[in-house]
């Protein structure tokens, strides 16, 4: 029961290690993080659109697939889901959906085939009487695909193709084809989250045994594994490292790398195995090093492309604050304008930037100023604001500097855009570029 509770409470991007002692070998189970199979970097807001269906495909099955996909995406706890009906409304009114979502999740049921057949049979019952029966068999086949369509440029990520078949039999009547099709969809969408969001899997590491005939070495390896079984993992690590230094035992080195990995010290494990490979040229060392380097690569991808959105916006706001302060005039009184009003990330950057300026004693125009609220409302409705407009309103509310914050692009092309206008001189004094440092 205790082990069941551990798995239940484990969440993605969490390092967990459990030692399993068996009669044959000692193993450790590790929670290993992986980036998604598709490159969904930068996508946080998704609208799950209704699955489409080719001619002859039941709309009921398409609706079921939509529901399962929505649930699986929710279970990743990674995305913000936007009501698809709102996206359809924005499209009809020719609004730019990029202001509301990063991508649409779309799917299509391309083929369904259902067949029924009957098999006749017989058997003798306990009285010796022959009993005749019919087996009613239903078989289904389904094919579908799904992909992500970026809101910015309609670029498609995917598609992922799925195919499944199921069958069932009954002595009374034909089994429900709808139930079989639903089961087939459930199976194929079970790991949908792995395609689109970072995920965690449990992997087993088994401690290597020494294969040589050196009795002294084998005895030391036996003592080391005893330390592992007793829970003295740091002592066991030190023992394995010492064994490797004296015997150049690759088995001891592998076990040391397992213990390093269990402590979350992946880079140390990789550096050590690189040394072992250089010194021994052993294929087992190469395989271990390859695995560790893949974990490090995945970890770097997750950190850079799939980090917490709050960390991303805080980092962007800190960069903007540093750059803006380099050009702020003396006695600056700043109006910070969000040029991407419907973008939650832009709003978070503005909030973080405002808080940072206040902490540093930089005067900020009160966002509750009636003239400012009305001006921003009109700006958001018009969709276009000139520098003259900014300067006019800035003068009216007592600002001498305007900071315009916006977010352009999506996914890997998303950038924070910052402009600073000097009201008294009526000129721009800063403009962010498209370099990597402004990536968000």
Protein backbone atom coordinates (compact mmCIF):
# COMPACT_ATOMS: atom_id res chain seq x y z
CA UNK A 1 0.00 0.00 0.00
CA UNK A 2 2.81 2.41 0.84
CA UNK A 3 4.39 2.01 -2.57
CA UNK A 4 1.05 2.66 -4.26
CA UNK A 5 0.72 5.95 -2.39
CA UNK A 6 4.19 7.03 -3.51
CA UNK A 7 3.32 6.60 -7.17
CA UNK A 8 -0.02 8.32 -6.70
CA UNK A 9 1.48 11.45 -5.20
CA UNK A 10 4.36 11.76 -7.68
CA UNK A 11 3.95 14.73 -9.99
CA UNK A 12 5.70 15.59 -13.29
CA UNK A 13 9.18 17.10 -13.12
CA UNK A 14 9.76 15.49 -9.68
CA UNK A 15 12.81 13.36 -8.87
CA UNK A 16 11.90 10.21 -6.93
CA UNK A 17 14.02 7.14 -6.17
CA UNK A 18 12.91 3.84 -4.63
CA UNK A 19 15.26 0.95 -3.91
CA UNK A 20 13.87 -2.49 -4.68
CA UNK A 21 15.63 -5.49 -3.15
CA UNK A 22 14.92 -8.81 -4.87
CA UNK A 23 16.34 -12.30 -4.61
CA UNK A 24 18.26 -11.89 -7.87
CA UNK A 25 19.42 -8.31 -7.97
CA UNK A 26 19.22 -4.92 -6.35
CA UNK A 27 17.48 -2.25 -8.38
CA UNK A 28 16.52 1.36 -8.02
CA UNK A 29 13.53 3.01 -9.66
CA UNK A 30 13.95 6.61 -10.73
CA UNK A 31 11.51 9.24 -11.94
CA UNK A 32 13.02 10.51 -15.19
CA UNK A 33 11.73 13.64 -16.90
CA UNK A 34 11.30 13.86 -20.68
CA UNK A 35 10.35 16.67 -23.06
CA UNK A 36 7.29 16.01 -25.24
CA UNK A 37 7.58 14.02 -28.45
CA UNK A 38 6.41 17.08 -30.42
CA UNK A 39 8.12 20.45 -30.21
CA UNK A 40 5.50 22.45 -28.35
CA UNK A 41 7.90 24.97 -26.81
CA UNK A 42 6.18 28.25 -25.98
CA UNK A 43 2.66 26.88 -26.24
CA UNK A 44 0.70 27.40 -23.02
CA UNK A 45 -2.83 28.35 -24.08
CA UNK A 46 -4.69 25.72 -26.12
CA UNK A 47 -8.20 25.45 -27.48
CA UNK A 48 -9.21 21.82 -28.02
CA UNK A 49 -11.35 22.05 -31.13
CA UNK A 50 -14.01 19.40 -31.87
CA UNK A 51 -12.67 16.38 -33.77
CA UNK A 52 -13.76 16.42 -37.37
CA UNK A 53 -14.97 13.27 -39.10
CA UNK A 54 -14.78 11.99 -42.64
CA UNK A 55 -17.95 11.04 -44.47
CA UNK A 56 -19.54 7.96 -42.95
CA UNK A 57 -17.97 8.43 -39.53
CA UNK A 58 -20.29 8.77 -36.56
CA UNK A 59 -20.33 12.25 -35.04
CA UNK A 60 -20.86 10.57 -31.68
CA UNK A 61 -17.44 8.93 -31.91
CA UNK A 62 -15.81 12.21 -32.97
CA UNK A 63 -17.38 13.92 -29.96
CA UNK A 64 -16.11 11.15 -27.70
CA UNK A 65 -12.57 11.57 -29.04
CA UNK A 66 -12.80 15.31 -28.36
CA UNK A 67 -13.81 14.66 -24.78
CA UNK A 68 -10.99 12.17 -24.17
CA UNK A 69 -8.40 14.49 -25.74
CA UNK A 70 -9.59 17.40 -23.60
CA UNK A 71 -9.34 15.30 -20.45
CA UNK A 72 -5.84 14.05 -21.30
CA UNK A 73 -4.60 17.56 -22.01
CA UNK A 74 -6.10 18.80 -18.73
CA UNK A 75 -4.33 15.98 -16.89
CA UNK A 76 -0.93 17.25 -18.00
CA UNK A 77 -1.47 20.27 -15.68
CA UNK A 78 0.67 22.18 -18.12
CA UNK A 79 -1.70 24.07 -20.43
CA UNK A 80 -4.39 26.68 -19.98
CA UNK A 81 -7.46 25.49 -21.90
CA UNK A 82 -9.52 28.08 -23.73
CA UNK A 83 -13.16 27.42 -24.64
CA UNK A 84 -13.22 26.40 -28.34
CA UNK A 85 -16.58 28.11 -28.85
CA UNK A 86 -14.91 31.43 -27.98
CA UNK A 87 -12.25 30.81 -30.64
CA UNK A 88 -14.94 30.10 -33.23
CA UNK A 89 -16.63 33.36 -32.24
CA UNK A 90 -13.39 35.31 -32.61
CA UNK A 91 -12.85 33.77 -36.05
CA UNK A 92 -16.33 34.76 -37.20
CA UNK A 93 -15.70 38.34 -36.14
CA UNK A 94 -12.27 38.31 -37.86
CA UNK A 95 -10.42 38.81 -34.59
CA UNK A 96 -6.83 37.70 -34.24
CA UNK A 97 -7.00 34.50 -32.18
CA UNK A 98 -3.29 34.84 -31.33
CA UNK A 99 -4.37 37.31 -28.67
CA UNK A 100 -6.24 34.52 -26.89
CA UNK A 101 -4.45 31.24 -27.63
CA UNK A 102 -1.07 29.94 -28.73
CA UNK A 103 -2.41 26.94 -30.63
CA UNK A 104 -5.47 24.94 -31.53
CA UNK A 105 -5.52 21.19 -30.90
CA UNK A 106 -7.32 19.64 -33.87
CA UNK A 107 -8.15 16.06 -34.77
CA UNK A 108 -9.91 14.08 -37.45
CA UNK A 109 -11.47 10.60 -37.48
CA UNK A 110 -10.49 9.39 -40.94
CA UNK A 111 -11.81 5.84 -41.00
CA UNK A 112 -14.07 3.52 -39.06
CA UNK A 113 -14.92 -0.03 -40.05
CA UNK A 114 -17.33 -2.29 -38.19
CA UNK A 115 -17.97 -5.94 -39.02
CA UNK A 116 -20.04 -8.68 -37.41
CA UNK A 117 -19.65 -12.41 -37.77
CA UNK A 118 -21.04 -15.55 -36.18
CA UNK A 119 -19.17 -18.73 -35.29
CA UNK A 120 -21.07 -21.92 -34.57
CA UNK A 121 -19.85 -24.42 -32.03
CA UNK A 122 -20.86 -27.16 -29.68
CA UNK A 123 -19.78 -28.90 -26.49
CA UNK A 124 -20.95 -31.68 -24.19
CA UNK A 125 -22.35 -30.70 -20.86
CA UNK A 126 -21.79 -32.63 -17.63
CA UNK A 127 -24.70 -34.92 -18.52
CA UNK A 128 -23.10 -35.81 -21.83
CA UNK A 129 -25.64 -33.88 -23.88
CA UNK A 130 -24.43 -31.92 -26.91
CA UNK A 131 -25.04 -28.19 -26.56
CA UNK A 132 -24.96 -26.01 -29.65
CA UNK A 133 -24.16 -22.32 -29.44
CA UNK A 134 -23.38 -19.24 -31.53
CA UNK A 135 -20.55 -16.81 -30.84
CA UNK A 136 -21.53 -13.32 -31.95
CA UNK A 137 -18.36 -11.42 -32.79
CA UNK A 138 -17.99 -7.70 -33.43
CA UNK A 139 -14.78 -6.26 -34.87
CA UNK A 140 -13.95 -2.58 -35.23
CA UNK A 141 -11.11 -0.63 -36.81
CA UNK A 142 -10.50 3.07 -36.35
CA UNK A 143 -7.95 5.52 -37.76
CA UNK A 144 -7.53 9.12 -36.68
CA UNK A 145 -4.93 11.84 -36.34
CA UNK A 146 -4.31 14.95 -34.30
CA UNK A 147 -2.02 17.95 -34.43
CA UNK A 148 -1.48 21.45 -33.09
CA UNK A 149 -2.06 24.49 -35.31
CA UNK A 150 -0.17 27.58 -34.21
CA UNK A 151 -2.35 30.66 -33.87
CA UNK A 152 0.36 33.00 -35.16
CA UNK A 153 1.01 31.53 -38.59
CA UNK A 154 -1.15 28.37 -38.86
CA UNK A 155 1.96 26.20 -38.88
CA UNK A 156 1.13 22.58 -38.06
CA UNK A 157 2.95 20.66 -35.34
CA UNK A 158 2.40 16.99 -36.13
CA UNK A 159 0.23 15.32 -37.17
CA UNK A 160 0.29 12.17 -35.05
CA UNK A 161 -1.41 9.21 -36.72
CA UNK A 162 -3.26 6.58 -34.68
CA UNK A 163 -4.78 3.25 -35.66
CA UNK A 164 -6.39 0.58 -33.54
CA UNK A 165 -8.63 -2.45 -33.82
CA UNK A 166 -10.70 -4.23 -31.21
CA UNK A 167 -12.95 -7.26 -31.14
CA UNK A 168 -15.30 -8.88 -28.68
CA UNK A 169 -17.67 -11.84 -28.62
CA UNK A 170 -20.90 -12.70 -26.85
CA UNK A 171 -23.15 -15.73 -26.72
CA UNK A 172 -26.30 -13.63 -26.53
CA UNK A 173 -25.93 -10.94 -29.21
CA UNK A 174 -23.39 -8.80 -30.99
CA UNK A 175 -21.28 -6.64 -28.64
CA UNK A 176 -21.64 -2.89 -28.93
CA UNK A 177 -19.47 -1.47 -31.69
CA UNK A 178 -19.67 1.96 -30.05
CA UNK A 179 -18.19 0.59 -26.82
CA UNK A 180 -15.38 -1.07 -28.76
CA UNK A 181 -14.61 2.13 -30.68
CA UNK A 182 -14.53 4.12 -27.45
CA UNK A 183 -12.13 1.58 -25.96
CA UNK A 184 -9.92 1.83 -29.05
CA UNK A 185 -9.82 5.64 -28.72
CA UNK A 186 -9.03 5.39 -25.01
CA UNK A 187 -6.04 3.17 -25.74
CA UNK A 188 -4.64 5.39 -28.46
CA UNK A 189 -5.07 8.64 -26.52
CA UNK A 190 -3.77 7.24 -23.24
CA UNK A 191 -0.36 8.84 -23.75
CA UNK A 192 -1.48 11.95 -25.61
CA UNK A 193 0.18 14.01 -22.88
CA UNK A 194 3.57 12.57 -23.81
CA UNK A 195 3.22 14.04 -27.29
CA UNK A 196 2.54 17.61 -26.21
CA UNK A 197 3.83 18.24 -22.66
CA UNK A 198 6.84 17.32 -20.51
CA UNK A 199 6.23 14.01 -18.75
CA UNK A 200 7.77 11.73 -16.15
CA UNK A 201 8.32 7.97 -16.41
CA UNK A 202 9.63 5.45 -13.90
CA UNK A 203 12.81 3.71 -15.04
CA UNK A 204 14.63 0.85 -13.33
CA UNK A 205 18.38 0.81 -12.77
CA UNK A 206 19.82 -2.59 -11.80
CA UNK A 207 23.15 -2.71 -9.99
CA UNK A 208 25.81 -4.49 -12.00
CA UNK A 209 27.55 -7.62 -10.76
CA UNK A 210 31.29 -8.18 -11.09
CA UNK A 211 31.98 -10.83 -13.76
CA UNK A 212 35.68 -11.44 -13.14
CA UNK A 213 37.15 -14.28 -11.08
CA UNK A 214 38.94 -11.93 -8.72
CA UNK A 215 37.69 -13.11 -5.31
CA UNK A 216 38.90 -10.03 -3.44
CA UNK A 217 37.13 -7.73 -5.91
CA UNK A 218 33.93 -9.77 -5.75
CA UNK A 219 34.00 -9.64 -1.94
CA UNK A 220 34.34 -5.85 -1.97
CA UNK A 221 31.50 -5.56 -4.47
CA UNK A 222 29.39 -7.79 -2.21
CA UNK A 223 30.10 -5.52 0.74
CA UNK A 224 29.15 -2.45 -1.30
CA UNK A 225 25.78 -3.89 -2.30
CA UNK A 226 25.18 -4.75 1.36
CA UNK A 227 25.63 -1.07 2.15
CA UNK A 228 23.09 -0.22 -0.54
CA UNK A 229 20.58 -2.68 0.92
CA UNK A 230 21.13 -1.16 4.37
CA UNK A 231 20.34 2.30 3.04
CA UNK A 232 23.88 3.62 3.41
CA UNK A 233 23.87 5.07 -0.09
CA UNK A 234 26.59 7.72 0.32
CA UNK A 235 28.88 5.16 1.94
CA UNK A 236 28.10 2.71 -0.88
CA UNK A 237 28.94 5.40 -3.46
CA UNK A 238 32.28 6.08 -1.80
CA UNK A 239 32.99 2.34 -1.74
CA UNK A 240 32.21 1.91 -5.46
CA UNK A 241 34.41 4.88 -6.37
CA UNK A 242 37.26 3.41 -4.35
CA UNK A 243 36.80 0.01 -5.98
CA UNK A 244 36.95 1.59 -9.42
CA UNK A 245 40.11 3.55 -8.59
CA UNK A 246 41.92 0.39 -7.45
CA UNK A 247 40.53 -2.25 -9.82
CA UNK A 248 39.20 -0.21 -12.78
CA UNK A 249 36.00 -2.25 -12.39
CA UNK A 250 33.42 -0.95 -14.85
CA UNK A 251 30.67 -2.69 -12.84
CA UNK A 252 31.65 -0.62 -9.80
CA UNK A 253 31.69 2.50 -11.98
CA UNK A 254 28.21 1.76 -13.33
CA UNK A 255 26.88 1.30 -9.80
CA UNK A 256 28.49 4.55 -8.69
CA UNK A 257 26.80 6.34 -11.59
CA UNK A 258 23.44 4.85 -10.54
CA UNK A 259 23.89 6.23 -7.04
CA UNK A 260 24.92 9.64 -8.39
CA UNK A 261 21.77 9.63 -10.52
CA UNK A 262 19.60 8.69 -7.52
CA UNK A 263 20.89 11.80 -5.73
CA UNK A 264 20.00 13.93 -8.76
CA UNK A 265 23.69 14.50 -9.55
CA UNK A 266 23.35 13.65 -13.25
CA UNK A 267 26.18 15.86 -14.49
CA UNK A 268 28.58 14.37 -11.93
CA UNK A 269 27.54 10.88 -13.03
CA UNK A 270 28.13 11.77 -16.69
CA UNK A 271 31.52 13.35 -16.00
CA UNK A 272 32.58 10.29 -14.02
CA UNK A 273 31.45 7.87 -16.75
CA UNK A 274 33.28 9.95 -19.37
CA UNK A 275 36.44 9.43 -17.31
CA UNK A 276 35.71 5.69 -17.10
CA UNK A 277 35.18 5.47 -20.83
CA UNK A 278 38.40 7.37 -21.54
CA UNK A 279 40.34 5.07 -19.22
CA UNK A 280 38.79 1.72 -20.16
CA UNK A 281 37.11 2.08 -23.56
CA UNK A 282 34.50 -0.33 -22.23
CA UNK A 283 31.24 -0.52 -24.27
CA UNK A 284 29.16 -0.73 -21.07
CA UNK A 285 30.65 2.58 -19.95
CA UNK A 286 29.79 4.09 -23.33
CA UNK A 287 26.18 2.91 -23.07
CA UNK A 288 25.81 4.34 -19.57
CA UNK A 289 27.35 7.64 -20.64
CA UNK A 290 25.01 7.86 -23.65
CA UNK A 291 22.00 7.37 -21.37
CA UNK A 292 23.19 10.00 -18.90
CA UNK A 293 23.91 12.52 -21.66
CA UNK A 294 20.41 11.98 -23.04
CA UNK A 295 18.94 12.73 -19.60
CA UNK A 296 21.04 15.90 -19.38
CA UNK A 297 19.94 16.94 -22.86
CA UNK A 298 16.28 16.37 -22.02
CA UNK A 299 16.70 18.25 -18.76
CA UNK A 300 18.18 21.24 -20.59
CA UNK A 301 15.34 21.24 -23.15
CA UNK A 302 12.71 21.15 -20.40
CA UNK A 303 14.42 23.96 -18.49
CA UNK A 304 14.85 26.24 -21.51
CA UNK A 305 11.66 25.53 -23.47
CA UNK A 306 9.16 24.25 -20.91
CA UNK A 307 10.03 26.11 -17.72
CA UNK A 308 7.32 27.51 -15.50
CA UNK A 309 5.60 30.43 -17.23
CA UNK A 310 5.93 32.47 -14.05
CA UNK A 311 9.71 32.06 -14.17
CA UNK A 312 9.72 33.06 -17.84
CA UNK A 313 7.73 36.24 -17.28
CA UNK A 314 9.76 37.15 -14.17
CA UNK A 315 12.98 36.69 -16.10
CA UNK A 316 11.63 38.80 -18.98
CA UNK A 317 10.47 41.54 -16.60
CA UNK A 318 13.87 41.61 -14.86
CA UNK A 319 15.64 41.99 -18.22
CA UNK A 320 13.24 44.75 -19.31
CA UNK A 321 13.69 46.58 -16.00
CA UNK A 322 17.49 46.52 -16.28
CA UNK A 323 17.47 47.75 -19.88
CA UNK A 324 14.83 50.45 -19.31
CA UNK A 325 16.64 51.91 -16.30
CA UNK A 326 19.70 52.51 -18.46
CA UNK A 327 17.77 55.13 -20.46
CA UNK A 328 15.30 56.56 -17.94
CA UNK A 329 15.63 60.33 -17.52
CA UNK A 330 16.20 61.85 -14.10
CA UNK A 331 13.05 62.22 -12.02
CA UNK A 332 11.25 59.83 -14.37
CA UNK A 333 7.51 59.48 -13.95
CA UNK A 334 6.58 56.38 -15.93
CA UNK A 335 3.42 55.21 -17.62
CA UNK A 336 3.67 51.47 -18.41
CA UNK A 337 1.34 50.53 -21.23
CA UNK A 338 0.47 46.93 -22.12
CA UNK A 339 0.33 46.80 -25.91
CA UNK A 340 -0.83 43.14 -25.80
CA UNK A 341 -3.77 43.61 -23.47
CA UNK A 342 -5.31 40.20 -24.14
CA UNK A 343 -2.04 38.36 -23.58
CA UNK A 344 -1.70 36.94 -20.05
CA UNK A 345 2.08 36.73 -20.30
CA UNK A 346 2.32 40.40 -21.27
CA UNK A 347 0.08 41.31 -18.33
CA UNK A 348 2.35 39.32 -16.00
CA UNK A 349 5.43 41.12 -17.34
CA UNK A 350 3.76 44.51 -16.80
CA UNK A 351 2.80 43.55 -13.23
CA UNK A 352 6.32 42.34 -12.41
CA UNK A 353 7.89 45.41 -14.02
CA UNK A 354 5.59 47.76 -12.13
CA UNK A 355 6.39 46.05 -8.81
CA UNK A 356 10.12 46.24 -9.52
CA UNK A 357 9.97 49.97 -10.35
CA UNK A 358 7.98 50.71 -7.18
CA UNK A 359 10.49 48.79 -5.05
CA UNK A 360 13.31 50.82 -6.58
CA UNK A 361 11.58 54.13 -5.98
CA UNK A 362 10.78 54.88 -9.62
CA UNK A 363 7.56 56.87 -9.85
CA UNK A 364 4.73 55.14 -11.69
CA UNK A 365 1.56 56.76 -13.03
CA UNK A 366 -1.44 55.44 -11.11
CA UNK A 367 -3.14 52.82 -13.30
CA UNK A 368 -6.49 53.80 -11.77
CA UNK A 369 -6.25 57.32 -13.27
CA UNK A 370 -9.58 57.85 -15.05
CA UNK A 371 -8.02 59.51 -18.10
CA UNK A 372 -5.53 56.67 -18.39
CA UNK A 373 -8.19 53.97 -18.11
CA UNK A 374 -10.29 55.62 -20.83
CA UNK A 375 -7.28 56.12 -23.10
CA UNK A 376 -6.15 52.50 -22.76
CA UNK A 377 -9.69 51.31 -23.45
CA UNK A 378 -9.80 53.28 -26.69
CA UNK A 379 -6.32 52.11 -27.65
CA UNK A 380 -7.29 48.48 -27.15
CA UNK A 381 -10.41 48.94 -29.26
CA UNK A 382 -8.63 50.70 -32.11
CA UNK A 383 -5.75 48.23 -32.33
CA UNK A 384 -3.31 50.97 -33.36
CA UNK A 385 -1.58 53.62 -31.28
CA UNK A 386 0.86 56.20 -32.66
CA UNK A 387 3.70 57.80 -30.74
CA UNK A 388 1.77 61.08 -30.89
CA UNK A 389 -1.19 59.38 -29.16
CA UNK A 390 1.09 58.06 -26.42
CA UNK A 391 2.73 61.44 -25.90
CA UNK A 392 -0.60 63.28 -25.79
CA UNK A 393 -2.05 60.98 -23.12
CA UNK A 394 1.27 60.87 -21.25
CA UNK A 395 1.25 64.64 -20.93
CA UNK A 396 -2.36 64.56 -19.77
CA UNK A 397 -1.65 62.15 -16.91
CA UNK A 398 1.64 63.71 -15.84
CA UNK A 399 4.06 61.15 -17.22
CA UNK A 400 7.39 62.13 -18.73
CA UNK A 401 8.31 58.63 -19.91
CA UNK A 402 6.23 55.91 -21.54
CA UNK A 403 7.19 52.22 -21.48
CA UNK A 404 5.31 50.15 -24.05
CA UNK A 405 5.30 46.38 -23.38
CA UNK A 406 4.16 43.85 -25.96
CA UNK A 407 4.68 40.23 -26.93
CA UNK A 408 5.18 39.19 -30.53
CA UNK A 409 5.26 35.74 -32.11
CA UNK A 410 4.47 32.42 -30.52
CA UNK A 411 6.30 29.26 -29.57
CA UNK A 412 10.01 29.45 -30.31
CA UNK A 413 9.56 32.85 -32.02
CA UNK A 414 7.89 34.55 -29.04
CA UNK A 415 9.71 37.72 -27.98
CA UNK A 416 9.17 40.46 -25.45
CA UNK A 417 8.95 43.81 -27.20
CA UNK A 418 9.88 46.96 -25.24
CA UNK A 419 9.77 50.59 -26.39
CA UNK A 420 10.56 53.63 -24.26
CA UNK A 421 9.41 57.12 -25.29
CA UNK A 422 10.70 60.38 -23.83
CA UNK A 423 7.62 62.63 -23.68
CA UNK A 424 9.49 65.89 -23.17
CA UNK A 425 11.71 65.27 -26.20
CA UNK A 426 8.95 63.49 -28.14
CA UNK A 427 11.39 60.80 -29.27
CA UNK A 428 11.87 57.05 -28.67
CA UNK A 429 14.93 56.39 -26.50
CA UNK A 430 14.90 52.59 -26.48
CA UNK A 431 13.66 49.77 -28.73
CA UNK A 432 14.23 46.09 -28.03
CA UNK A 433 15.56 44.00 -30.90
CA UNK A 434 14.87 40.41 -32.03
CA UNK A 435 17.88 38.84 -30.34
CA UNK A 436 17.64 35.68 -28.22
CA UNK A 437 17.83 37.58 -24.96
CA UNK A 438 14.27 38.87 -25.48
CA UNK A 439 12.89 35.36 -26.00
CA UNK A 440 10.06 34.50 -23.62
